[in-house]
Amino acid sequence: MSVLKSLSAVLASALFLASCAASPLVSPLQPGRALSSPLQALSQSAFSAGAYQNFQAQPQLPVGKEPRKAVKLTYMMADDEGHQSPWSRQMLEMMDDLPQNQVYNLVFRDGNQMGDSRLYYLQEADTDPKTVRAPQSVLAPGVGEVQSNNPAVFSEVLKWSLDRYPAQYKYLQIYTHGGGLMGIGTDKVQTAPSGQILPATQQQKMLTPALLNGAMRQALRGRKLDLVYFRACLMGNLEALYELTGTVDYALASEDVSYSVENSNITMTRMFDDMAGQGVAPREIARQLAIQANAKNGGKRQGYTTLAAFDLNQLGGLKTAVNQLANVLKAKMPTHGAQIRAVYLSVPGFKENNEGYFLRDFWAFGSALLEQINDPQIEAAVLNARRAQEAATIHARDSFGAKANGLSILMPPGTALAEDKYRNYLLKTYQETRFARESAWDDFLLALSDFMRSTPAPVFED
């Protein structure tokens, strides 16, 4: 993964996030392709469907006739120059071998070969682990390559899959690069339906949470997804997950970088498919997958240093609790500003010496407040927020101790919060997230920024 080594590098490069990492079992960890700056990426949420404005999915596949226990779409935006394209192929070959009696199992894969964008219907188990014999189709006649991170393409694939395969439960697994509130999904070769490479003005950097939710809603048309498994980095983020409330019941996500290894990509995908076919309830599937991640003890060799399962129906209560905490901290700024600043600066990132993330663990922020500030109102607000987070968390494990407890929130690094570019981000681009518009978290960050600008931190001489 790409990690900025110092705060000065962050300020010079404007907050790059790392892409999801390759398997440490296959090769030594190499720097991944960095995702865009959050100051730039979220502005993409106004991006239109572009060349896919009138695109309709028309795959030539057998359709379901009788209702089954579940329908599951695995959507792989894996057109990259690194590990995701070959791993996505391995995942497809494994799923093709599974019994499909009680689940309608579909896989969309866009790998790194030109013309390989395909939708697969895994109709029956294949006995050969290195072949894929399931029916497959391009998304529309003559369209062999698509812009897979385009919201219109994603929405059409999801809608077509759910409309034609009736089932009690509706599941989605997404395998791609992730960036928390920046969104998900990269695509190295972005083409129009005609096959022509799209101009730079129509290149989609990523699918922001707002675009993702809008695409889901357009596909669902009043229905809900029972569970979404984000097999992507950094999506255990409050802003990203809150965007999906009312659209998705349960979600499984990591607030840190995740790794492509046997457990995360193959074992957990197989478990998901098996439990879906057995009719296991969505909440329990999410819980069991979070346990299987073995994030506390296994770490990156199991694919996750942190993973949590969430009940998104409870995030409204957490948002209300965050509002209360934010308003208390804002009100305390005149008397406790120096302490609040010290707390904010003390909250660690997930990696040693890493100021590259603009996300921090929300629980760790609460821990620092309780440890460093003796104030009954702040204490009450922190404890209330913790109860709300516990209500929204089905299962969470991590290998970071006090540094993480499953859910991140926007916290621009260090004293950079006082810089004009971060303030402008909070005032403009951050407002494109539903959480920013409906919460007071941005008000707290701006109040702290005001304090940092008006009251320089003390400098201690050696």
Protein backbone atom coordinates (compact mmCIF):
# COMPACT_ATOMS: atom_id res chain seq x y z
CA MET A 1 0.00 0.00 0.00
CA SER A 2 1.03 3.62 -0.49
CA VAL A 3 1.62 5.34 2.83
CA LEU A 4 2.81 8.91 3.33
CA LYS A 5 5.69 8.88 5.76
CA SER A 6 5.31 12.28 7.35
CA LEU A 7 2.87 15.08 7.87
CA SER A 8 4.89 17.32 5.56
CA ALA A 9 4.48 14.75 2.82
CA VAL A 10 0.76 14.70 3.50
CA LEU A 11 0.51 18.45 3.17
CA ALA A 12 2.53 18.38 -0.03
CA SER A 13 0.52 15.59 -1.60
CA ALA A 14 -2.90 16.39 -0.08
CA LEU A 15 -4.01 13.24 1.66
CA PHE A 16 -3.67 10.17 -0.52
CA LEU A 17 -5.28 6.94 0.60
CA ALA A 18 -3.80 3.54 -0.03
CA SER A 19 -5.29 0.97 -2.31
CA CYS A 20 -6.07 -2.47 -0.96
CA ALA A 21 -2.95 -4.52 -0.47
CA ALA A 22 -1.77 -7.63 -2.24
CA SER A 23 -1.39 -10.90 -0.44
CA PRO A 24 1.61 -10.94 1.94
CA LEU A 25 1.77 -14.68 1.35
CA VAL A 26 2.37 -14.28 -2.37
CA SER A 27 5.00 -11.58 -2.38
CA PRO A 28 6.48 -8.92 -0.10
CA LEU A 29 4.14 -5.99 0.35
CA GLN A 30 4.73 -3.46 -2.39
CA PRO A 31 3.27 0.03 -2.60
CA GLY A 32 -0.17 -0.11 -4.14
CA ARG A 33 -1.77 2.42 -6.42
CA ALA A 34 -2.87 5.37 -4.32
CA LEU A 35 -6.44 6.51 -4.56
CA SER A 36 -7.28 10.13 -5.16
CA SER A 37 -7.19 12.86 -2.57
CA PRO A 38 -10.43 13.14 -0.60
CA LEU A 39 -10.40 16.82 -1.49
CA GLN A 40 -10.80 15.75 -5.12
CA ALA A 41 -12.55 12.41 -5.09
CA LEU A 42 -15.84 13.32 -3.45
CA SER A 43 -16.40 16.04 -6.01
CA GLN A 44 -16.94 13.16 -8.42
CA SER A 45 -20.30 12.43 -6.77
CA ALA A 46 -21.98 14.81 -9.19
CA PHE A 47 -20.55 12.75 -12.05
CA SER A 48 -23.27 11.64 -14.46
CA ALA A 49 -23.61 8.27 -16.11
CA GLY A 50 -21.90 9.82 -19.12
CA ALA A 51 -21.74 7.45 -22.08
CA TYR A 52 -23.92 4.98 -20.13
CA GLN A 53 -26.81 7.39 -19.62
CA ASN A 54 -29.22 5.14 -21.57
CA PHE A 55 -27.42 1.84 -21.04
CA GLN A 56 -29.58 -1.23 -20.40
CA ALA A 57 -28.27 -4.61 -19.32
CA GLN A 58 -29.38 -7.32 -21.75
CA PRO A 59 -27.30 -10.42 -20.91
CA GLN A 60 -28.28 -13.66 -22.57
CA LEU A 61 -28.54 -15.96 -19.56
CA PRO A 62 -31.06 -18.46 -18.19
CA VAL A 63 -33.36 -16.84 -15.63
CA GLY A 64 -34.78 -18.17 -12.39
CA LYS A 65 -38.23 -19.72 -12.36
CA GLU A 66 -38.91 -20.75 -8.76
CA PRO A 67 -38.16 -18.69 -5.64
CA ARG A 68 -35.04 -19.74 -3.75
CA LYS A 69 -33.70 -18.91 -0.32
CA ALA A 70 -31.31 -16.28 -1.64
CA VAL A 71 -29.99 -14.44 -4.64
CA LYS A 72 -26.39 -13.24 -4.42
CA LEU A 73 -24.54 -10.95 -6.79
CA THR A 74 -20.76 -10.74 -6.50
CA TYR A 75 -19.66 -7.56 -8.28
CA MET A 76 -15.95 -7.47 -9.09
CA MET A 77 -14.45 -4.17 -10.22
CA ALA A 78 -11.06 -5.81 -10.66
CA ASP A 79 -9.62 -4.13 -13.74
CA ASP A 80 -6.28 -3.21 -12.19
CA GLU A 81 -2.58 -3.75 -12.81
CA GLY A 82 -2.04 -5.54 -9.51
CA HIS A 83 -3.46 -8.45 -7.56
CA GLN A 84 -7.21 -8.01 -7.86
CA SER A 85 -7.65 -9.20 -11.43
CA PRO A 86 -5.98 -12.62 -10.90
CA TRP A 87 -7.58 -13.03 -7.47
CA SER A 88 -11.02 -12.27 -8.90
CA ARG A 89 -10.50 -15.05 -11.41
CA GLN A 90 -9.65 -17.48 -8.60
CA MET A 91 -12.76 -16.42 -6.69
CA LEU A 92 -14.91 -17.00 -9.77
CA GLU A 93 -13.42 -20.46 -10.34
CA MET A 94 -14.08 -21.40 -6.72
CA MET A 95 -17.69 -20.18 -6.75
CA ASP A 96 -18.28 -22.06 -9.99
CA ASP A 97 -17.56 -25.31 -8.10
CA LEU A 98 -20.16 -24.76 -5.36
CA PRO A 99 -23.60 -26.43 -5.27
CA GLN A 100 -26.19 -23.90 -6.38
CA ASN A 101 -29.43 -25.66 -5.43
CA GLN A 102 -30.83 -23.12 -2.96
CA VAL A 103 -29.20 -19.87 -4.06
CA TYR A 104 -29.20 -17.96 -7.32
CA ASN A 105 -25.53 -17.07 -7.61
CA LEU A 106 -24.40 -14.45 -10.10
CA VAL A 107 -20.95 -12.97 -10.63
CA PHE A 108 -20.06 -9.87 -12.59
CA ARG A 109 -16.33 -9.63 -13.28
CA ASP A 110 -14.37 -6.90 -15.03
CA GLY A 111 -10.73 -8.04 -15.08
CA ASN A 112 -7.64 -6.54 -16.66
CA GLN A 113 -8.07 -8.06 -20.12
CA MET A 114 -9.75 -5.93 -22.74
CA GLY A 115 -13.19 -7.34 -23.51
CA ASP A 116 -13.53 -9.52 -20.37
CA SER A 117 -16.51 -7.77 -18.73
CA ARG A 118 -18.92 -10.66 -18.19
CA LEU A 119 -21.92 -11.66 -16.10
CA TYR A 120 -21.94 -15.31 -15.00
CA TYR A 121 -24.89 -17.37 -13.78
CA LEU A 122 -23.46 -20.17 -11.64
CA GLN A 123 -26.14 -22.68 -12.54
CA GLU A 124 -24.59 -25.89 -11.20
CA ALA A 125 -21.40 -27.11 -9.57
CA ASP A 126 -18.38 -27.55 -11.85
CA THR A 127 -16.09 -30.43 -10.92
CA ASP A 128 -12.99 -28.86 -12.46
CA PRO A 129 -11.47 -26.21 -10.15
CA LYS A 130 -9.56 -24.50 -12.99
CA THR A 131 -12.45 -24.02 -15.39
CA VAL A 132 -15.60 -21.92 -15.44
CA ARG A 133 -18.36 -23.76 -17.25
CA ALA A 134 -21.24 -21.66 -15.99
CA PRO A 135 -23.34 -19.74 -18.52
CA GLN A 136 -21.80 -16.34 -19.18
CA SER A 137 -22.68 -13.31 -21.22
CA VAL A 138 -21.62 -9.79 -22.10
CA LEU A 139 -23.92 -7.21 -20.54
CA ALA A 140 -25.40 -6.21 -23.90
CA PRO A 141 -24.91 -7.34 -27.50
CA GLY A 142 -21.53 -6.19 -28.77
CA VAL A 143 -20.46 -4.71 -25.42
CA GLY A 144 -17.43 -6.70 -24.28
CA GLU A 145 -15.85 -4.07 -22.05
CA VAL A 146 -17.61 -1.63 -19.72
CA GLN A 147 -16.78 1.14 -17.28
CA SER A 148 -17.49 -1.06 -14.28
CA ASN A 149 -17.32 1.74 -11.70
CA ASN A 150 -19.97 3.73 -13.53
CA PRO A 151 -23.12 3.99 -11.35
CA ALA A 152 -25.39 3.24 -14.32
CA VAL A 153 -23.54 -0.01 -15.11
CA PHE A 154 -23.56 -1.13 -11.48
CA SER A 155 -27.25 -0.29 -11.13
CA GLU A 156 -28.23 -2.13 -14.30
CA VAL A 157 -26.36 -5.30 -13.31
CA LEU A 158 -27.88 -5.28 -9.82
CA LYS A 159 -31.41 -4.59 -11.10
CA TRP A 160 -31.22 -7.24 -13.81
CA SER A 161 -29.99 -9.83 -11.31
CA LEU A 162 -32.62 -9.14 -8.65
CA ASP A 163 -35.48 -8.86 -11.14
CA ARG A 164 -34.84 -12.21 -12.78
CA TYR A 165 -33.94 -14.45 -9.86
CA PRO A 166 -36.68 -14.45 -7.18
CA ALA A 167 -35.50 -15.13 -3.64
CA GLN A 168 -36.25 -14.49 0.01
CA TYR A 169 -32.91 -12.78 0.75
CA LYS A 170 -30.91 -10.41 -1.44
CA TYR A 171 -27.13 -10.30 -1.03
CA LEU A 172 -24.30 -8.30 -2.56
CA GLN A 173 -20.55 -8.86 -2.31
CA ILE A 174 -18.23 -6.22 -3.79
CA TYR A 175 -14.58 -6.95 -4.54
CA THR A 176 -12.56 -3.88 -5.50
CA HIS A 177 -10.37 -1.10 -4.11
CA GLY A 178 -11.94 1.05 -1.41
CA GLY A 179 -11.37 4.44 0.19
CA GLY A 180 -13.90 4.90 2.99
CA LEU A 181 -15.97 8.04 2.49
CA MET A 182 -14.23 8.52 -0.86
CA GLY A 183 -16.03 5.41 -2.14
CA ILE A 184 -15.09 2.23 -3.97
CA GLY A 185 -14.15 0.93 -7.35
CA THR A 186 -11.33 1.65 -9.77
CA ASP A 187 -11.21 0.72 -13.44
CA LYS A 188 -7.94 0.83 -15.38
CA VAL A 189 -9.48 0.67 -18.86
CA GLN A 190 -12.68 2.72 -19.07
CA THR A 191 -14.61 2.40 -22.29
CA ALA A 192 -17.93 3.51 -23.73
CA PRO A 193 -20.41 0.78 -24.76
CA SER A 194 -19.03 1.19 -28.28
CA GLY A 195 -15.61 0.01 -27.06
CA GLN A 196 -13.94 3.40 -27.45
CA ILE A 197 -11.73 4.59 -24.62
CA LEU A 198 -13.55 7.32 -22.72
CA PRO A 199 -12.04 10.81 -22.70
CA ALA A 200 -10.49 12.06 -19.48
CA THR A 201 -13.57 14.17 -18.75
CA GLN A 202 -15.67 11.00 -18.53
CA GLN A 203 -13.21 8.85 -16.61
CA GLN A 204 -14.73 7.80 -13.29
CA LYS A 205 -12.22 7.88 -10.41
CA MET A 206 -14.44 5.91 -8.07
CA LEU A 207 -18.01 5.23 -7.06
CA THR A 208 -18.67 7.53 -4.10
CA PRO A 209 -21.01 6.39 -1.30
CA ALA A 210 -23.65 8.81 -2.56
CA LEU A 211 -23.40 7.43 -6.11
CA LEU A 212 -23.34 3.86 -4.81
CA ASN A 213 -26.47 4.39 -2.73
CA GLY A 214 -28.24 6.13 -5.60
CA ALA A 215 -27.38 3.30 -7.97
CA MET A 216 -28.61 0.74 -5.43
CA ARG A 217 -31.90 2.57 -4.91
CA GLN A 218 -32.50 2.85 -8.62
CA ALA A 219 -31.96 -0.90 -8.97
CA LEU A 220 -33.94 -1.91 -5.88
CA ARG A 221 -37.02 0.28 -6.52
CA GLY A 222 -38.30 0.09 -2.97
CA ARG A 223 -36.66 -3.22 -2.05
CA LYS A 224 -33.70 -3.54 0.32
CA LEU A 225 -30.46 -5.48 0.28
CA ASP A 226 -30.24 -7.78 3.27
CA LEU A 227 -26.43 -7.82 3.49
CA VAL A 228 -23.51 -6.19 1.67
CA TYR A 229 -20.01 -7.60 2.15
CA PHE A 230 -17.42 -4.97 1.25
CA ARG A 231 -14.38 -7.00 0.22
CA ALA A 232 -12.58 -3.67 -0.08
CA CYS A 233 -10.36 -1.46 2.04
CA LEU A 234 -11.51 1.20 4.50
CA MET A 235 -15.28 0.82 4.07
CA GLY A 236 -15.88 0.37 7.81
CA ASN A 237 -16.43 4.11 7.88
CA LEU A 238 -19.35 5.93 9.45
CA GLU A 239 -19.85 8.38 6.59
CA ALA A 240 -19.78 5.62 3.95
CA LEU A 241 -22.07 3.23 5.81
CA TYR A 242 -24.53 5.89 6.94
CA GLU A 243 -25.12 6.72 3.28
CA LEU A 244 -26.63 3.24 2.85
CA THR A 245 -29.15 3.41 5.70
CA GLY A 246 -32.62 2.65 4.41
CA THR A 247 -31.12 0.75 1.47
CA VAL A 248 -29.12 -2.01 3.19
CA ASP A 249 -29.92 -3.84 6.43
CA TYR A 250 -26.50 -5.29 7.34
CA ALA A 251 -22.94 -4.63 6.18
CA LEU A 252 -19.55 -6.25 6.67
CA ALA A 253 -16.55 -3.96 6.29
CA SER A 254 -13.00 -3.15 7.42
CA GLU A 255 -11.95 0.30 8.60
CA ASP A 256 -8.34 -0.43 7.65
CA VAL A 257 -6.55 -1.80 4.61
CA SER A 258 -7.54 -5.37 3.81
CA TYR A 259 -5.46 -8.04 2.08
CA SER A 260 -6.15 -10.52 -0.70
CA VAL A 261 -5.36 -13.93 0.78
CA GLU A 262 -7.00 -17.36 0.88
CA ASN A 263 -9.16 -16.61 3.92
CA SER A 264 -10.52 -13.21 2.90
CA ASN A 265 -11.07 -13.96 -0.78
CA ILE A 266 -11.78 -17.69 -1.00
CA THR A 267 -12.79 -19.09 2.40
CA MET A 268 -15.08 -16.23 3.42
CA THR A 269 -16.68 -16.04 -0.04
CA ARG A 270 -17.36 -19.77 0.10
CA MET A 271 -18.84 -19.41 3.60
CA PHE A 272 -21.08 -16.59 2.43
CA ASP A 273 -22.39 -18.66 -0.49
CA ASP A 274 -22.84 -21.78 1.66
CA MET A 275 -24.76 -19.99 4.39
CA ALA A 276 -26.90 -18.16 1.83
CA GLY A 277 -27.86 -21.52 0.31
CA GLN A 278 -28.69 -22.93 3.73
CA GLY A 279 -31.10 -20.10 4.47
CA VAL A 280 -29.08 -18.68 7.37
CA ALA A 281 -30.47 -15.31 8.43
CA PRO A 282 -28.56 -12.28 7.06
CA ARG A 283 -27.57 -10.98 10.50
CA GLU A 284 -26.07 -14.32 11.43
CA ILE A 285 -24.20 -14.56 8.12
CA ALA A 286 -22.65 -11.17 8.84
CA ARG A 287 -21.68 -12.26 12.36
CA GLN A 288 -20.16 -15.56 11.26
CA LEU A 289 -18.13 -13.91 8.49
CA ALA A 290 -16.81 -11.30 10.93
CA ILE A 291 -15.69 -14.12 13.23
CA GLN A 292 -14.06 -16.03 10.36
CA ALA A 293 -11.97 -12.95 9.50
CA ASN A 294 -9.91 -13.69 12.64
CA ALA A 295 -8.82 -10.06 12.64
CA LYS A 296 -7.68 -10.01 16.28
CA ASN A 297 -5.20 -12.86 16.03
CA GLY A 298 -4.73 -13.53 12.32
CA GLY A 299 -4.05 -10.02 11.09
CA LYS A 300 -3.06 -9.49 7.50
CA ARG A 301 -2.15 -13.16 6.99
CA GLN A 302 -5.88 -13.85 7.36
CA GLY A 303 -6.76 -10.83 5.22
CA TYR A 304 -7.92 -8.42 7.89
CA THR A 305 -6.41 -6.44 10.73
CA THR A 306 -9.91 -5.24 11.56
CA LEU A 307 -13.37 -6.31 10.44
CA ALA A 308 -16.84 -5.61 11.79
CA ALA A 309 -20.44 -6.52 11.02
CA PHE A 310 -22.97 -3.71 11.37
CA ASP A 311 -26.72 -3.31 11.65
CA LEU A 312 -27.26 -0.26 9.47
CA ASN A 313 -30.76 0.21 10.85
CA GLN A 314 -29.10 1.34 14.11
CA LEU A 315 -26.87 3.99 12.54
CA GLY A 316 -29.53 6.66 12.95
CA GLY A 317 -29.15 6.33 16.70
CA LEU A 318 -25.39 6.54 16.39
CA LYS A 319 -25.65 9.66 14.24
CA THR A 320 -27.82 11.28 16.92
CA ALA A 321 -25.26 10.36 19.58
CA VAL A 322 -22.41 11.76 17.46
CA ASN A 323 -24.40 14.98 17.14
CA GLN A 324 -24.72 15.23 20.90
CA LEU A 325 -21.00 14.63 21.41
CA ALA A 326 -20.06 17.10 18.67
CA ASN A 327 -22.29 19.80 20.15
CA VAL A 328 -20.91 19.24 23.66
CA LEU A 329 -17.33 19.48 22.41
CA LYS A 330 -18.13 22.59 20.40
CA ALA A 331 -19.73 24.22 23.46
CA LYS A 332 -16.69 23.30 25.59
CA MET A 333 -14.20 24.77 23.14
CA PRO A 334 -13.84 28.15 24.95
CA THR A 335 -12.90 26.45 28.25
CA HIS A 336 -11.43 23.10 27.14
CA GLY A 337 -10.04 23.95 23.69
CA ALA A 338 -6.43 23.13 24.51
CA GLN A 339 -7.39 19.76 25.98
CA ILE A 340 -9.69 18.89 23.09
CA ARG A 341 -6.93 19.78 20.64
CA ALA A 342 -4.48 17.56 22.55
CA VAL A 343 -6.99 14.70 22.48
CA TYR A 344 -7.59 15.11 18.76
CA LEU A 345 -3.88 15.10 17.98
CA SER A 346 -3.29 12.03 20.15
CA VAL A 347 -5.71 9.70 18.36
CA PRO A 348 -3.49 7.20 16.52
CA GLY A 349 -3.73 6.01 12.97
CA PHE A 350 -3.85 2.33 12.19
CA LYS A 351 -0.25 2.10 11.01
CA GLU A 352 2.88 3.15 12.84
CA ASN A 353 4.03 6.68 11.91
CA ASN A 354 1.12 6.99 9.49
CA GLU A 355 -0.48 10.39 9.02
CA GLY A 356 -1.65 9.45 5.54
CA TYR A 357 -5.15 8.52 6.61
CA PHE A 358 -7.68 11.24 7.10
CA LEU A 359 -9.80 8.68 8.97
CA ARG A 360 -9.47 7.72 12.63
CA ASP A 361 -11.27 5.21 14.81
CA PHE A 362 -14.27 6.81 16.50
CA TRP A 363 -14.05 4.62 19.62
CA ALA A 364 -10.37 5.50 20.06
CA PHE A 365 -11.31 9.19 19.96
CA GLY A 366 -13.79 8.55 22.77
CA SER A 367 -11.15 6.70 24.78
CA ALA A 368 -8.78 9.65 24.51
CA LEU A 369 -11.51 12.05 25.63
CA LEU A 370 -12.27 9.92 28.70
CA GLU A 371 -8.60 9.55 29.60
CA GLN A 372 -7.48 13.14 29.11
CA ILE A 373 -10.47 15.35 30.01
CA ASN A 374 -12.29 15.28 33.32
CA ASP A 375 -15.68 16.73 32.44
CA PRO A 376 -19.03 15.09 33.30
CA GLN A 377 -20.84 16.36 30.20
CA ILE A 378 -18.13 15.14 27.86
CA GLU A 379 -18.01 11.82 29.67
CA ALA A 380 -21.78 11.38 29.41
CA ALA A 381 -21.75 12.20 25.70
CA VAL A 382 -18.92 9.75 25.01
CA LEU A 383 -20.64 6.94 26.92
CA ASN A 384 -23.90 7.64 25.11
CA ALA A 385 -22.11 7.43 21.76
CA ARG A 386 -20.50 4.15 22.81
CA ARG A 387 -23.86 2.63 23.67
CA ALA A 388 -25.14 3.68 20.26
CA GLN A 389 -22.11 2.19 18.50
CA GLU A 390 -22.49 -1.05 20.43
CA ALA A 391 -26.14 -1.23 19.35
CA ALA A 392 -25.08 -0.88 15.70
CA THR A 393 -22.22 -3.40 15.93
CA ILE A 394 -23.00 -7.10 15.60
CA HIS A 395 -19.40 -8.29 15.91
CA ALA A 396 -16.07 -6.47 15.73
CA ARG A 397 -12.50 -7.66 16.13
CA ASP A 398 -9.16 -6.04 15.37
CA SER A 399 -5.46 -6.40 16.07
CA PHE A 400 -4.88 -2.77 17.08
CA GLY A 401 -6.01 -2.81 20.70
CA ALA A 402 -7.27 0.63 21.73
CA LYS A 403 -6.54 2.05 18.27
CA ALA A 404 -9.64 0.57 16.67
CA ASN A 405 -13.07 -0.82 17.40
CA GLY A 406 -14.54 -1.29 13.96
CA LEU A 407 -15.71 2.12 12.77
CA SER A 408 -13.80 5.14 11.47
CA ILE A 409 -14.85 8.75 11.08
CA LEU A 410 -13.39 11.75 9.26
CA MET A 411 -10.52 13.29 11.25
CA PRO A 412 -8.09 15.22 9.00
CA PRO A 413 -4.58 14.55 10.32
CA GLY A 414 -2.81 16.66 12.90
CA THR A 415 -2.80 20.43 12.79
CA ALA A 416 -3.59 20.25 9.07
CA LEU A 417 -7.20 20.70 10.15
CA ALA A 418 -6.45 24.44 10.43
CA GLU A 419 -5.32 24.69 6.80
CA ASP A 420 -7.59 26.44 4.31
CA LYS A 421 -7.85 23.44 2.00
CA TYR A 422 -9.22 21.22 4.77
CA ARG A 423 -11.65 23.89 5.91
CA ASN A 424 -12.85 24.30 2.33
CA TYR A 425 -13.23 20.55 2.08
CA LEU A 426 -15.41 20.50 5.20
CA LEU A 427 -17.49 23.42 3.98
CA LYS A 428 -18.03 22.13 0.44
CA THR A 429 -17.02 18.63 -0.62
CA TYR A 430 -17.72 16.91 2.70
CA GLN A 431 -21.28 18.24 2.51
CA GLU A 432 -21.91 15.85 -0.38
CA THR A 433 -22.07 13.07 2.21
CA ARG A 434 -25.40 12.47 3.86
CA PHE A 435 -23.73 12.15 7.25
CA ALA A 436 -22.20 15.62 7.00
CA ARG A 437 -25.53 17.15 6.04
CA GLU A 438 -27.42 15.42 8.85
CA SER A 439 -24.85 15.56 11.64
CA ALA A 440 -22.91 18.17 13.59
CA TRP A 441 -19.54 16.45 13.15
CA ASP A 442 -18.41 19.00 10.57
CA ASP A 443 -19.42 21.82 12.95
CA PHE A 444 -17.17 20.34 15.63
CA LEU A 445 -14.24 19.96 13.24
CA LEU A 446 -14.63 23.56 12.06
CA ALA A 447 -14.85 24.80 15.66
CA LEU A 448 -11.66 22.92 16.50
CA SER A 449 -10.05 24.32 13.35
CA ASP A 450 -11.01 27.84 14.46
CA PHE A 451 -9.42 27.19 17.84
CA MET A 452 -6.23 25.85 16.25
CA ARG A 453 -5.96 28.92 14.03
CA SER A 454 -6.57 31.43 16.83
CA THR A 455 -4.61 29.68 19.58
CA PRO A 456 -1.27 28.26 18.45
CA ALA A 457 -0.14 25.15 20.28
CA PRO A 458 2.57 25.75 22.92
CA VAL A 459 6.13 25.05 21.86
CA PHE A 460 8.40 23.43 24.41
CA GLU A 461 12.13 23.93 24.16
CA ASP A 462 14.54 21.10 24.89
